PDB file of N, CA and C in Angstrom:
ATOM      1  N   MET A   1       0.839  -1.184   0.000  1.00  0.00           N
ATOM      2  CA  MET A   1       0.000   0.000   0.000  1.00  0.00           C
ATOM      3  C   MET A   1       0.882   1.244   0.000  1.00  0.00           C
ATOM      4  N   ILE A   2       0.623   2.136  -0.906  1.00  0.00           N
ATOM      5  CA  ILE A   2       1.306   3.425  -0.945  1.00  0.00           C
ATOM      6  C   ILE A   2       0.285   4.471  -0.536  1.00  0.00           C
ATOM      7  N   ASP A   3       0.672   5.328   0.433  1.00  0.00           N
ATOM      8  CA  ASP A   3      -0.277   6.317   0.937  1.00  0.00           C
ATOM      9  C   ASP A   3       0.478   7.569   1.361  1.00  0.00           C
ATOM     10  N   ASP A   4      -0.242   8.637   1.582  1.00  0.00           N
ATOM     11  CA  ASP A   4       0.310   9.898   2.068  1.00  0.00           C
ATOM     12  C   ASP A   4       0.525   9.762   3.573  1.00  0.00           C
ATOM     13  N   THR A   5       1.757   9.485   3.977  1.00  0.00           N
ATOM     14  CA  THR A   5       2.022   9.227   5.398  1.00  0.00           C
ATOM     15  C   THR A   5       1.823  10.458   6.268  1.00  0.00           C
ATOM     16  N   VAL A   6       2.082  11.645   5.733  1.00  0.00           N
ATOM     17  CA  VAL A   6       1.863  12.864   6.527  1.00  0.00           C
ATOM     18  C   VAL A   6       0.384  12.980   6.873  1.00  0.00           C
ATOM     19  N   TRP A   7      -0.477  12.789   5.879  1.00  0.00           N
ATOM     20  CA  TRP A   7      -1.916  12.834   6.139  1.00  0.00           C
ATOM     21  C   TRP A   7      -2.308  11.733   7.118  1.00  0.00           C
ATOM     22  N   MET A   8      -1.787  10.519   6.905  1.00  0.00           N
ATOM     23  CA  MET A   8      -2.152   9.375   7.736  1.00  0.00           C
ATOM     24  C   MET A   8      -1.774   9.607   9.205  1.00  0.00           C
ATOM     25  N   VAL A   9      -0.551  10.070   9.450  1.00  0.00           N
ATOM     26  CA  VAL A   9      -0.096  10.306  10.827  1.00  0.00           C
ATOM     27  C   VAL A   9      -0.935  11.391  11.488  1.00  0.00           C
ATOM     28  N   ASN A  10      -1.168  12.493  10.790  1.00  0.00           N
ATOM     29  CA  ASN A  10      -1.961  13.579  11.371  1.00  0.00           C
ATOM     30  C   ASN A  10      -3.404  13.161  11.615  1.00  0.00           C
ATOM     31  N   ASP A  11      -3.963  12.361  10.718  1.00  0.00           N
ATOM     32  CA  ASP A  11      -5.321  11.855  10.908  1.00  0.00           C
ATOM     33  C   ASP A  11      -5.397  10.978  12.160  1.00  0.00           C
ATOM     34  N   LEU A  12      -4.425  10.101  12.332  1.00  0.00           N
ATOM     35  CA  LEU A  12      -4.411   9.234  13.519  1.00  0.00           C
ATOM     36  C   LEU A  12      -4.280  10.051  14.804  1.00  0.00           C
ATOM     37  N   LEU A  13      -3.411  11.057  14.786  1.00  0.00           N
ATOM     38  CA  LEU A  13      -3.244  11.908  15.974  1.00  0.00           C
ATOM     39  C   LEU A  13      -4.548  12.628  16.322  1.00  0.00           C
ATOM     40  N   GLN A  14      -5.241  13.139  15.308  1.00  0.00           N
ATOM     41  CA  GLN A  14      -6.506  13.833  15.552  1.00  0.00           C
ATOM     42  C   GLN A  14      -7.574  12.894  16.101  1.00  0.00           C
ATOM     43  N   ARG A  15      -7.436  11.593  15.830  1.00  0.00           N
ATOM     44  CA  ARG A  15      -8.381  10.607  16.357  1.00  0.00           C
ATOM     45  C   ARG A  15      -7.962  10.082  17.728  1.00  0.00           C
ATOM     46  N   GLY A  16      -6.861  10.626  18.274  1.00  0.00           N
ATOM     47  CA  GLY A  16      -6.447  10.239  19.623  1.00  0.00           C
ATOM     48  C   GLY A  16      -5.479   9.076  19.711  1.00  0.00           C
ATOM     49  N   VAL A  17      -4.957   8.637  18.584  1.00  0.00           N
ATOM     50  CA  VAL A  17      -4.009   7.521  18.579  1.00  0.00           C
ATOM     51  C   VAL A  17      -2.631   8.025  19.015  1.00  0.00           C
ATOM     52  N   THR A  18      -1.961   7.276  19.862  1.00  0.00           N
ATOM     53  CA  THR A  18      -0.595   7.610  20.273  1.00  0.00           C
ATOM     54  C   THR A  18       0.379   6.994  19.278  1.00  0.00           C
ATOM     55  N   ILE A  19       1.352   7.781  18.847  1.00  0.00           N
ATOM     56  CA  ILE A  19       2.320   7.324  17.848  1.00  0.00           C
ATOM     57  C   ILE A  19       3.726   7.469  18.411  1.00  0.00           C
ATOM     58  N   LEU A  20       4.542   6.456  18.199  1.00  0.00           N
ATOM     59  CA  LEU A  20       5.949   6.492  18.587  1.00  0.00           C
ATOM     60  C   LEU A  20       6.767   6.801  17.343  1.00  0.00           C
ATOM     61  N   CYS A  21       7.590   7.840  17.421  1.00  0.00           N
ATOM     62  CA  CYS A  21       8.420   8.251  16.292  1.00  0.00           C
ATOM     63  C   CYS A  21       9.884   8.023  16.662  1.00  0.00           C
ATOM     64  N   GLU A  22      10.560   7.204  15.880  1.00  0.00           N
ATOM     65  CA  GLU A  22      11.973   6.926  16.135  1.00  0.00           C
ATOM     66  C   GLU A  22      12.831   7.857  15.289  1.00  0.00           C
ATOM     67  N   MET A  23      13.866   8.413  15.914  1.00  0.00           N
ATOM     68  CA  MET A  23      14.767   9.317  15.205  1.00  0.00           C
ATOM     69  C   MET A  23      15.994   8.571  14.700  1.00  0.00           C
ATOM     70  N   THR A  24      16.677   9.192  13.766  1.00  0.00           N
ATOM     71  CA  THR A  24      17.922   8.631  13.254  1.00  0.00           C
ATOM     72  C   THR A  24      19.113   9.184  14.016  1.00  0.00           C
ATOM     73  N   GLN A  25      20.232   8.570  13.830  1.00  0.00           N
ATOM     74  CA  GLN A  25      21.515   9.029  14.356  1.00  0.00           C
ATOM     75  C   GLN A  25      21.543   9.112  15.873  1.00  0.00           C
ATOM     76  N   GLY A  26      22.368  10.011  16.401  1.00  0.00           N
ATOM     77  CA  GLY A  26      22.517  10.170  17.836  1.00  0.00           C
ATOM     78  C   GLY A  26      22.782  11.614  18.191  1.00  0.00           C
ATOM     79  N   PHE A  27      22.583  11.946  19.454  1.00  0.00           N
ATOM     80  CA  PHE A  27      22.668  13.349  19.862  1.00  0.00           C
ATOM     81  C   PHE A  27      24.046  13.952  19.620  1.00  0.00           C
ATOM     82  N   ASP A  28      25.110  13.166  19.714  1.00  0.00           N
ATOM     83  CA  ASP A  28      26.440  13.750  19.533  1.00  0.00           C
ATOM     84  C   ASP A  28      26.827  13.883  18.061  1.00  0.00           C
ATOM     85  N   LEU A  29      25.918  13.520  17.150  1.00  0.00           N
ATOM     86  CA  LEU A  29      26.146  13.700  15.721  1.00  0.00           C
ATOM     87  C   LEU A  29      25.327  14.859  15.162  1.00  0.00           C
ATOM     88  N   ASP A  30      24.634  15.601  16.017  1.00  0.00           N
ATOM     89  CA  ASP A  30      23.782  16.721  15.620  1.00  0.00           C
ATOM     90  C   ASP A  30      24.600  17.793  14.908  1.00  0.00           C
ATOM     91  N   LEU A  31      24.046  18.327  13.826  1.00  0.00           N
ATOM     92  CA  LEU A  31      24.719  19.357  13.036  1.00  0.00           C
ATOM     93  C   LEU A  31      25.092  20.577  13.868  1.00  0.00           C
ATOM     94  N   GLU A  32      24.198  21.040  14.727  1.00  0.00           N
ATOM     95  CA  GLU A  32      24.435  22.245  15.525  1.00  0.00           C
ATOM     96  C   GLU A  32      25.073  21.966  16.882  1.00  0.00           C
ATOM     97  N   HIS A  33      24.794  20.827  17.475  1.00  0.00           N
ATOM     98  CA  HIS A  33      25.230  20.567  18.844  1.00  0.00           C
ATOM     99  C   HIS A  33      26.131  19.349  18.971  1.00  0.00           C
ATOM    100  N   GLY A  34      26.604  18.819  17.863  1.00  0.00           N
ATOM    101  CA  GLY A  34      27.475  17.647  17.888  1.00  0.00           C
ATOM    102  C   GLY A  34      28.830  17.974  18.496  1.00  0.00           C
ATOM    103  N   ILE A  35      29.529  16.936  18.869  1.00  0.00           N
ATOM    104  CA  ILE A  35      30.802  17.095  19.569  1.00  0.00           C
ATOM    105  C   ILE A  35      31.932  17.474  18.623  1.00  0.00           C
ATOM    106  N   ASP A  36      31.992  16.881  17.443  1.00  0.00           N
ATOM    107  CA  ASP A  36      33.065  17.151  16.490  1.00  0.00           C
ATOM    108  C   ASP A  36      32.447  17.386  15.115  1.00  0.00           C
ATOM    109  N   PRO A  37      32.503  18.627  14.602  1.00  0.00           N
ATOM    110  CA  PRO A  37      31.858  18.945  13.324  1.00  0.00           C
ATOM    111  C   PRO A  37      32.280  18.032  12.174  1.00  0.00           C
ATOM    112  N   GLU A  38      33.497  17.526  12.218  1.00  0.00           N
ATOM    113  CA  GLU A  38      33.979  16.653  11.148  1.00  0.00           C
ATOM    114  C   GLU A  38      33.160  15.361  11.053  1.00  0.00           C
ATOM    115  N   PHE A  39      32.568  14.947  12.155  1.00  0.00           N
ATOM    116  CA  PHE A  39      31.846  13.681  12.183  1.00  0.00           C
ATOM    117  C   PHE A  39      30.336  13.852  12.352  1.00  0.00           C
ATOM    118  N   CYS A  40      29.823  15.072  12.212  1.00  0.00           N
ATOM    119  CA  CYS A  40      28.388  15.317  12.374  1.00  0.00           C
ATOM    120  C   CYS A  40      27.626  15.002  11.092  1.00  0.00           C
ATOM    121  N   THR A  41      26.336  14.749  11.235  1.00  0.00           N
ATOM    122  CA  THR A  41      25.475  14.535  10.082  1.00  0.00           C
ATOM    123  C   THR A  41      25.098  15.889   9.488  1.00  0.00           C
ATOM    124  N   SER A  42      24.338  15.873   8.433  1.00  0.00           N
ATOM    125  CA  SER A  42      23.954  17.118   7.766  1.00  0.00           C
ATOM    126  C   SER A  42      22.645  17.683   8.293  1.00  0.00           C
ATOM    127  N   LYS A  43      22.178  17.200   9.444  1.00  0.00           N
ATOM    128  CA  LYS A  43      20.916  17.711   9.983  1.00  0.00           C
ATOM    129  C   LYS A  43      20.951  17.750  11.504  1.00  0.00           C
ATOM    130  N   MET A  44      19.938  18.400  12.053  1.00  0.00           N
ATOM    131  CA  MET A  44      19.814  18.460  13.507  1.00  0.00           C
ATOM    132  C   MET A  44      19.088  17.211  13.993  1.00  0.00           C
ATOM    133  N   ILE A  45      19.467  16.737  15.191  1.00  0.00           N
ATOM    134  CA  ILE A  45      18.905  15.515  15.762  1.00  0.00           C
ATOM    135  C   ILE A  45      18.223  15.876  17.075  1.00  0.00           C
ATOM    136  N   ASN A  46      16.917  16.095  17.048  1.00  0.00           N
ATOM    137  CA  ASN A  46      16.166  16.395  18.267  1.00  0.00           C
ATOM    138  C   ASN A  46      14.685  16.084  18.018  1.00  0.00           C
ATOM    139  N   PRO A  47      13.881  16.016  19.072  1.00  0.00           N
ATOM    140  CA  PRO A  47      12.467  15.665  18.896  1.00  0.00           C
ATOM    141  C   PRO A  47      11.705  16.598  17.948  1.00  0.00           C
ATOM    142  N   ALA A  48      11.993  17.892  17.997  1.00  0.00           N
ATOM    143  CA  ALA A  48      11.293  18.830  17.116  1.00  0.00           C
ATOM    144  C   ALA A  48      11.583  18.530  15.645  1.00  0.00           C
ATOM    145  N   MET A  49      12.824  18.185  15.335  1.00  0.00           N
ATOM    146  CA  MET A  49      13.170  17.862  13.950  1.00  0.00           C
ATOM    147  C   MET A  49      12.547  16.543  13.510  1.00  0.00           C
ATOM    148  N   ALA A  50      12.456  15.584  14.413  1.00  0.00           N
ATOM    149  CA  ALA A  50      11.810  14.310  14.076  1.00  0.00           C
ATOM    150  C   ALA A  50      10.355  14.559  13.697  1.00  0.00           C
ATOM    151  N   MET A  51       9.696  15.427  14.447  1.00  0.00           N
ATOM    152  CA  MET A  51       8.299  15.742  14.154  1.00  0.00           C
ATOM    153  C   MET A  51       8.184  16.515  12.845  1.00  0.00           C
ATOM    154  N   ALA A  52       9.102  17.460  12.621  1.00  0.00           N
ATOM    155  CA  ALA A  52       9.076  18.228  11.376  1.00  0.00           C
ATOM    156  C   ALA A  52       9.268  17.307  10.173  1.00  0.00           C
ATOM    157  N   GLU A  53      10.188  16.354  10.283  1.00  0.00           N
ATOM    158  CA  GLU A  53      10.420  15.422   9.182  1.00  0.00           C
ATOM    159  C   GLU A  53       9.210  14.524   8.935  1.00  0.00           C
ATOM    160  N   ALA A  54       8.436  14.264   9.974  1.00  0.00           N
ATOM    161  CA  ALA A  54       7.225  13.450   9.827  1.00  0.00           C
ATOM    162  C   ALA A  54       6.029  14.289   9.387  1.00  0.00           C
ATOM    163  N   GLY A  55       6.192  15.619   9.330  1.00  0.00           N
ATOM    164  CA  GLY A  55       5.100  16.498   8.930  1.00  0.00           C
ATOM    165  C   GLY A  55       4.064  16.693  10.015  1.00  0.00           C
ATOM    166  N   VAL A  56       4.511  16.640  11.272  1.00  0.00           N
ATOM    167  CA  VAL A  56       3.604  16.727  12.418  1.00  0.00           C
ATOM    168  C   VAL A  56       3.875  18.009  13.200  1.00  0.00           C
ATOM    169  N   SER A  57       2.824  18.687  13.616  1.00  0.00           N
ATOM    170  CA  SER A  57       2.951  19.904  14.417  1.00  0.00           C
ATOM    171  C   SER A  57       3.497  19.584  15.802  1.00  0.00           C
ATOM    172  N   PRO A  58       4.341  20.471  16.358  1.00  0.00           N
ATOM    173  CA  PRO A  58       4.859  20.245  17.706  1.00  0.00           C
ATOM    174  C   PRO A  58       3.773  20.240  18.779  1.00  0.00           C
ATOM    175  N   LYS A  59       2.574  20.701  18.454  1.00  0.00           N
ATOM    176  CA  LYS A  59       1.492  20.682  19.451  1.00  0.00           C
ATOM    177  C   LYS A  59       1.140  19.253  19.855  1.00  0.00           C
ATOM    178  N   TRP A  60       1.499  18.264  19.031  1.00  0.00           N
ATOM    179  CA  TRP A  60       1.192  16.868  19.329  1.00  0.00           C
ATOM    180  C   TRP A  60       2.275  16.194  20.167  1.00  0.00           C
ATOM    181  N   LEU A  61       3.365  16.893  20.449  1.00  0.00           N
ATOM    182  CA  LEU A  61       4.466  16.284  21.206  1.00  0.00           C
ATOM    183  C   LEU A  61       4.018  15.913  22.607  1.00  0.00           C
ATOM    184  N   GLY A  62       4.253  14.690  22.966  1.00  0.00           N
ATOM    185  CA  GLY A  62       3.927  14.197  24.308  1.00  0.00           C
ATOM    186  C   GLY A  62       5.204  13.873  25.044  1.00  0.00           C
ATOM    187  N   ASP A  63       5.274  12.688  25.595  1.00  0.00           N
ATOM    188  CA  ASP A  63       6.469  12.265  26.319  1.00  0.00           C
ATOM    189  C   ASP A  63       7.616  12.028  25.344  1.00  0.00           C
ATOM    190  N   VAL A  64       8.821  12.388  25.786  1.00  0.00           N
ATOM    191  CA  VAL A  64      10.027  12.154  24.996  1.00  0.00           C
ATOM    192  C   VAL A  64      10.898  11.184  25.776  1.00  0.00           C
ATOM    193  N   TYR A  65      11.284  10.107  25.127  1.00  0.00           N
ATOM    194  CA  TYR A  65      12.141   9.102  25.753  1.00  0.00           C
ATOM    195  C   TYR A  65      13.480   9.088  25.034  1.00  0.00           C
ATOM    196  N   GLY A  66      14.530   8.863  25.774  1.00  0.00           N
ATOM    197  CA  GLY A  66      15.855   8.774  25.176  1.00  0.00           C
ATOM    198  C   GLY A  66      16.439   7.395  25.372  1.00  0.00           C
ATOM    199  N   VAL A  67      17.220   6.982  24.408  1.00  0.00           N
ATOM    200  CA  VAL A  67      17.932   5.714  24.502  1.00  0.00           C
ATOM    201  C   VAL A  67      19.411   6.032  24.364  1.00  0.00           C
ATOM    202  N   LEU A  68      20.195   5.574  25.304  1.00  0.00           N
ATOM    203  CA  LEU A  68      21.625   5.863  25.298  1.00  0.00           C
ATOM    204  C   LEU A  68      22.401   4.585  25.034  1.00  0.00           C
ATOM    205  N   ARG A  69      23.283   4.637  24.065  1.00  0.00           N
ATOM    206  CA  ARG A  69      24.165   3.508  23.808  1.00  0.00           C
ATOM    207  C   ARG A  69      25.409   3.718  24.682  1.00  0.00           C
ATOM    208  N   PRO A  70      25.694   2.819  25.607  1.00  0.00           N
ATOM    209  CA  PRO A  70      26.799   3.024  26.547  1.00  0.00           C
ATOM    210  C   PRO A  70      28.171   2.699  25.978  1.00  0.00           C
ATOM    211  N   PHE A  71      28.245   2.380  24.693  1.00  0.00           N
ATOM    212  CA  PHE A  71      29.538   2.105  24.079  1.00  0.00           C
ATOM    213  C   PHE A  71      29.614   2.854  22.758  1.00  0.00           C
ATOM    214  N   PRO A  72      30.807   3.258  22.339  1.00  0.00           N
ATOM    215  CA  PRO A  72      30.950   4.052  21.117  1.00  0.00           C
ATOM    216  C   PRO A  72      30.800   3.207  19.855  1.00  0.00           C
ATOM    217  N   VAL A  73      30.394   3.855  18.797  1.00  0.00           N
ATOM    218  CA  VAL A  73      30.330   3.226  17.485  1.00  0.00           C
ATOM    219  C   VAL A  73      31.242   4.025  16.574  1.00  0.00           C
ATOM    220  N   ARG A  74      32.123   3.347  15.874  1.00  0.00           N
ATOM    221  CA  ARG A  74      33.038   4.020  14.958  1.00  0.00           C
ATOM    222  C   ARG A  74      32.850   3.460  13.565  1.00  0.00           C
ATOM    223  N   HIS A  75      32.915   4.341  12.578  1.00  0.00           N
ATOM    224  CA  HIS A  75      32.758   3.905  11.197  1.00  0.00           C
ATOM    225  C   HIS A  75      33.990   4.191  10.356  1.00  0.00           C
ATOM    226  N   ASP A  76      35.005   4.779  10.937  1.00  0.00           N
ATOM    227  CA  ASP A  76      36.224   5.068  10.189  1.00  0.00           C
ATOM    228  C   ASP A  76      37.403   5.112  11.151  1.00  0.00           C
ATOM    229  N   GLU A  77      38.523   5.589  10.675  1.00  0.00           N
ATOM    230  CA  GLU A  77      39.730   5.623  11.504  1.00  0.00           C
ATOM    231  C   GLU A  77      39.970   6.999  12.128  1.00  0.00           C
ATOM    232  N   GLY A  78      38.985   7.873  12.115  1.00  0.00           N
ATOM    233  CA  GLY A  78      39.144   9.212  12.678  1.00  0.00           C
ATOM    234  C   GLY A  78      39.378   9.193  14.182  1.00  0.00           C
ATOM    235  N   THR A  79      39.750  10.339  14.738  1.00  0.00           N
ATOM    236  CA  THR A  79      40.048  10.410  16.166  1.00  0.00           C
ATOM    237  C   THR A  79      38.784  10.535  16.998  1.00  0.00           C
ATOM    238  N   TYR A  80      37.808  11.240  16.559  1.00  0.00           N
ATOM    239  CA  TYR A  80      36.517  11.393  17.208  1.00  0.00           C
ATOM    240  C   TYR A  80      36.631  11.469  18.727  1.00  0.00           C
ATOM    241  N   LEU A  81      35.506  11.485  19.401  1.00  0.00           N
ATOM    242  CA  LEU A  81      35.477  11.630  20.853  1.00  0.00           C
ATOM    243  C   LEU A  81      36.085  10.424  21.557  1.00  0.00           C
ATOM    244  N   TYR A  82      35.836   9.246  21.015  1.00  0.00           N
ATOM    245  CA  TYR A  82      36.284   8.012  21.650  1.00  0.00           C
ATOM    246  C   TYR A  82      37.502   7.486  20.902  1.00  0.00           C
ATOM    247  N   ALA A  83      38.617   8.170  21.013  1.00  0.00           N
ATOM    248  CA  ALA A  83      39.806   7.834  20.233  1.00  0.00           C
ATOM    249  C   ALA A  83      40.274   6.402  20.458  1.00  0.00           C
ATOM    250  N   GLU A  84      40.063   5.862  21.647  1.00  0.00           N
ATOM    251  CA  GLU A  84      40.541   4.509  21.941  1.00  0.00           C
ATOM    252  C   GLU A  84      39.588   3.422  21.452  1.00  0.00           C
ATOM    253  N   ALA A  85      38.425   3.791  20.962  1.00  0.00           N
ATOM    254  CA  ALA A  85      37.435   2.799  20.535  1.00  0.00           C
ATOM    255  C   ALA A  85      37.857   2.139  19.230  1.00  0.00           C
ATOM    256  N   LYS A  86      37.499   0.893  19.097  1.00  0.00           N
ATOM    257  CA  LYS A  86      37.753   0.149  17.871  1.00  0.00           C
ATOM    258  C   LYS A  86      36.421  -0.045  17.142  1.00  0.00           C
ATOM    259  N   PRO A  87      36.462  -0.159  15.812  1.00  0.00           N
ATOM    260  CA  PRO A  87      35.219  -0.392  15.079  1.00  0.00           C
ATOM    261  C   PRO A  87      34.518  -1.655  15.583  1.00  0.00           C
ATOM    262  N   LEU A  88      33.193  -1.614  15.651  1.00  0.00           N
ATOM    263  CA  LEU A  88      32.427  -2.780  16.085  1.00  0.00           C
ATOM    264  C   LEU A  88      32.320  -3.795  14.954  1.00  0.00           C
ATOM    265  N   THR A  89      32.457  -5.060  15.299  1.00  0.00           N
ATOM    266  CA  THR A  89      32.288  -6.134  14.324  1.00  0.00           C
ATOM    267  C   THR A  89      31.474  -7.250  14.968  1.00  0.00           C
ATOM    268  N   TRP A  90      31.070  -8.210  14.166  1.00  0.00           N
ATOM    269  CA  TRP A  90      30.352  -9.375  14.678  1.00  0.00           C
ATOM    270  C   TRP A  90      31.320 -10.496  15.030  1.00  0.00           C
ATOM    271  N   ASP A  91      32.611 -10.264  14.809  1.00  0.00           N
ATOM    272  CA  ASP A  91      33.614 -11.282  15.133  1.00  0.00           C
ATOM    273  C   ASP A  91      33.782 -11.409  16.634  1.00  0.00           C
ATOM    274  N   LEU A  92      33.968 -12.628  17.104  1.00  0.00           N
ATOM    275  CA  LEU A  92      34.192 -12.860  18.535  1.00  0.00           C
ATOM    276  C   LEU A  92      35.662 -12.878  18.852  1.00  0.00           C
TER     277      LEU A  92
END
């Protein structure tokens, strides 16, 4: 099924349905507030931006939950915040 997701999400919200919106990336990769500009994404990472990308008014914002990864993730050989971290692999 292909549908207008912006209309669908807003219609559900107006009918009282609670929706969970998952964001991409992580807080330390935020374009404006990231730790190292060299490793930041090209966008801001916060609840308001997640709603804007979904086409939803901030008036619908309810509870905000955060998930913290307690270990670093590296995708290259840069120095980044966690210089001692090694790239993650599935190897044991």
